[in-house]
Structures are given as structure tokens and as C-alpha cells.
Amino acid sequence: MSDSVRPSAQLPSDRVLENIKVWSRLSFLAMVATVASTSYPGWFAAVTAALAVLTFTLATVTLVKMVGAKFPAFSVVLMVMVMLWSLFLGFAALVQLIFVDAAVGYAECLQQAVTLSRQQQCTSQMSDGLLQQLMGQ
């Protein structure tokens, strides 16, 4: 037996790894900004939707770079989760933009609600308002 180590695969260079680290950090920073922007209802959902698109794009580029550098499966799965999470947040923001009046009314109602029963009333009022808006009333 030989004591020499056979390189089975070419390891990525330090420059490539640093590049992937920067893209990964940008993706997570954009994800944090997207999640933080969901606290503001109404027309601010346009910012959330834009941030979700940015996050999805950054995560996609990062994922392609990770797969090319043969990163561990955990890192790849984590980046896929970031992509999916940003996609869901983007869709939620678009729904808020479609029903902006209901979203703002619900947020204002929840801010004034003190008890759990009042929060449930807010939810039922919102669903009634959405139904009326969908029916054109």
C-alpha cells in the first residue's frame, strides 16, 4: 500500500470559494431584508416583492456556483430552501398588492386588538372583506 494520497477530484481554488462565500452572504442578507420588509402592510409589499426577486436571483446564482464547486449537499439544500422561501414571500407580497385594502385593514385591526377573541374577529372581518372584494361588492 502506498502512503500517498490520490486526489479524486480537483478542489476549488481559494478565489472561487471566497467568491461563493460572498454570493452566499449576499443571498442571506437579501433574505433577511425580505423577511424584515414583510412587517409593513399595504403598498410596501411592492418592496417585499422586489426584494424577494432579488433574493431568488442571488440564491440561484449562488446555487449554480455551489454545484459547480461540488459543495456538500447540506449547503446546496440550504440554498434551495432560501430560494423557495423567497419565492413564497414574493407570492405573498403579490397577493397583498392585489388585496391592498384588506391587508391594510387587517394590519390596523390587529394593532388595535388586545385579546385573542378580538384578533379572531379581525381575521373573520378580513376574510369577509376578501370575499366581498372577490364577488365585486
Protein backbone atom coordinates (compact mmCIF):
# COMPACT_ATOMS: atom_id res chain seq x y z
CA MET A 1 0.00 0.00 0.00
CA SER A 2 1.12 3.46 -0.78
CA ASP A 3 1.07 6.32 1.72
CA SER A 4 0.46 8.91 -0.97
CA VAL A 5 -2.96 10.46 -1.27
CA ARG A 6 -4.67 10.24 -4.61
CA PRO A 7 -6.67 13.35 -5.40
CA SER A 8 -10.02 12.04 -6.57
CA ALA A 9 -11.34 15.45 -7.53
CA GLN A 10 -9.87 18.84 -8.12
CA LEU A 11 -10.62 21.10 -5.14
CA PRO A 12 -11.89 24.60 -5.95
CA SER A 13 -9.39 27.40 -5.56
CA ASP A 14 -9.47 29.84 -2.65
CA ARG A 15 -10.64 32.58 -5.01
CA VAL A 16 -13.64 30.51 -6.11
CA LEU A 17 -14.50 29.64 -2.51
CA GLU A 18 -14.27 33.30 -1.47
CA ASN A 19 -16.50 34.26 -4.41
CA ILE A 20 -19.12 31.71 -3.35
CA LYS A 21 -18.91 32.92 0.25
CA VAL A 22 -19.63 36.49 -0.88
CA TRP A 23 -22.59 35.40 -3.01
CA SER A 24 -23.92 33.28 -0.15
CA ARG A 25 -23.70 36.15 2.32
CA LEU A 26 -25.44 38.47 -0.15
CA SER A 27 -28.22 35.91 -0.55
CA PHE A 28 -28.75 35.62 3.18
CA LEU A 29 -28.60 39.39 3.65
CA ALA A 30 -31.24 39.85 0.95
CA MET A 31 -33.34 37.16 2.65
CA VAL A 32 -33.16 38.98 5.99
CA ALA A 33 -34.17 42.24 4.28
CA THR A 34 -37.09 40.48 2.58
CA VAL A 35 -38.34 38.98 5.83
CA ALA A 36 -37.95 42.33 7.61
CA SER A 37 -39.94 44.12 4.92
CA THR A 38 -42.96 41.85 5.47
CA SER A 39 -43.79 43.78 8.66
CA TYR A 40 -45.11 46.71 6.64
CA PRO A 41 -48.51 46.03 5.07
CA GLY A 42 -50.11 47.68 2.10
CA TRP A 43 -48.16 49.21 -0.75
CA PHE A 44 -44.83 48.38 0.93
CA ALA A 45 -45.49 44.85 -0.34
CA ALA A 46 -44.06 46.09 -3.66
CA VAL A 47 -40.69 46.48 -1.92
CA THR A 48 -41.08 43.00 -0.44
CA ALA A 49 -41.83 41.55 -3.87
CA ALA A 50 -38.77 43.27 -5.36
CA LEU A 51 -36.56 42.03 -2.53
CA ALA A 52 -37.94 38.52 -2.98
CA VAL A 53 -36.99 38.60 -6.68
CA LEU A 54 -33.52 39.87 -5.76
CA THR A 55 -33.11 37.14 -3.14
CA PHE A 56 -34.26 34.46 -5.54
CA THR A 57 -31.81 35.68 -8.18
CA LEU A 58 -28.87 35.85 -5.76
CA ALA A 59 -29.71 32.41 -4.35
CA THR A 60 -29.93 30.93 -7.85
CA VAL A 61 -26.53 32.30 -8.84
CA THR A 62 -25.07 31.06 -5.54
CA LEU A 63 -26.59 27.62 -6.04
CA VAL A 64 -25.13 27.30 -9.54
CA LYS A 65 -21.70 28.30 -8.21
CA MET A 66 -22.01 25.84 -5.30
CA VAL A 67 -22.96 22.95 -7.54
CA GLY A 68 -20.09 23.81 -9.89
CA ALA A 69 -17.65 23.77 -6.98
CA LYS A 70 -19.14 20.50 -5.67
CA PHE A 71 -20.23 21.85 -2.31
CA PRO A 72 -21.71 19.46 0.29
CA ALA A 73 -25.37 18.53 -0.09
CA PHE A 74 -26.32 20.40 3.09
CA SER A 75 -25.17 23.73 1.64
CA VAL A 76 -26.98 23.09 -1.62
CA VAL A 77 -30.21 22.12 0.17
CA LEU A 78 -29.95 25.22 2.36
CA MET A 79 -29.65 27.45 -0.71
CA VAL A 80 -32.63 25.71 -2.32
CA MET A 81 -34.60 26.45 0.86
CA VAL A 82 -33.63 30.13 0.62
CA MET A 83 -34.83 30.15 -2.99
CA LEU A 84 -38.18 28.57 -2.07
CA TRP A 85 -38.68 30.80 0.95
CA SER A 86 -38.07 33.93 -1.14
CA LEU A 87 -40.45 32.61 -3.78
CA PHE A 88 -43.20 32.14 -1.18
CA LEU A 89 -42.59 35.59 0.31
CA GLY A 90 -42.76 37.10 -3.17
CA PHE A 91 -46.10 35.41 -3.88
CA ALA A 92 -47.45 36.57 -0.51
CA ALA A 93 -46.38 40.13 -1.31
CA LEU A 94 -48.13 39.96 -4.68
CA VAL A 95 -51.33 38.76 -3.01
CA GLN A 96 -51.07 41.69 -0.58
CA LEU A 97 -50.71 44.04 -3.55
CA ILE A 98 -53.81 42.59 -5.18
CA PHE A 99 -55.85 42.97 -1.97
CA VAL A 100 -54.10 46.02 -0.52
CA ASP A 101 -57.18 47.42 1.24
CA ALA A 102 -57.87 44.16 3.04
CA ALA A 103 -54.22 43.77 4.05
CA VAL A 104 -54.02 47.30 5.48
CA GLY A 105 -57.35 46.93 7.28
CA TYR A 106 -56.28 43.62 8.78
CA ALA A 107 -52.96 45.04 9.97
CA GLU A 108 -54.66 48.05 11.57
CA CYS A 109 -57.24 45.81 13.23
CA LEU A 110 -54.51 43.53 14.63
CA GLN A 111 -52.59 46.51 16.03
CA GLN A 112 -55.66 47.57 18.00
CA ALA A 113 -56.62 44.04 19.10
CA VAL A 114 -55.79 43.34 22.71
CA THR A 115 -57.39 39.95 23.22
CA LEU A 116 -57.30 36.73 21.28
CA SER A 117 -61.02 36.91 20.56
CA ARG A 118 -60.56 40.38 19.04
CA GLN A 119 -57.77 39.02 16.82
CA GLN A 120 -60.13 36.27 15.66
CA GLN A 121 -62.72 38.94 14.85
CA CYS A 122 -60.10 40.73 12.75
CA THR A 123 -59.43 37.52 10.85
CA SER A 124 -63.11 36.90 10.16
CA GLN A 125 -63.59 40.53 9.09
CA MET A 126 -60.65 40.23 6.72
CA SER A 127 -61.96 37.01 5.18
CA ASP A 128 -65.40 38.61 4.77
CA GLY A 129 -63.79 41.66 3.16
CA LEU A 130 -61.78 39.49 0.77
CA LEU A 131 -64.88 37.52 -0.18
CA GLN A 132 -66.79 40.73 -0.85
CA GLN A 133 -63.91 42.09 -2.90
CA LEU A 134 -63.74 38.90 -4.94
CA MET A 135 -67.50 38.97 -5.52
CA GLY A 136 -67.30 42.60 -6.66
CA GLN A 137 -69.45 44.06 -3.89
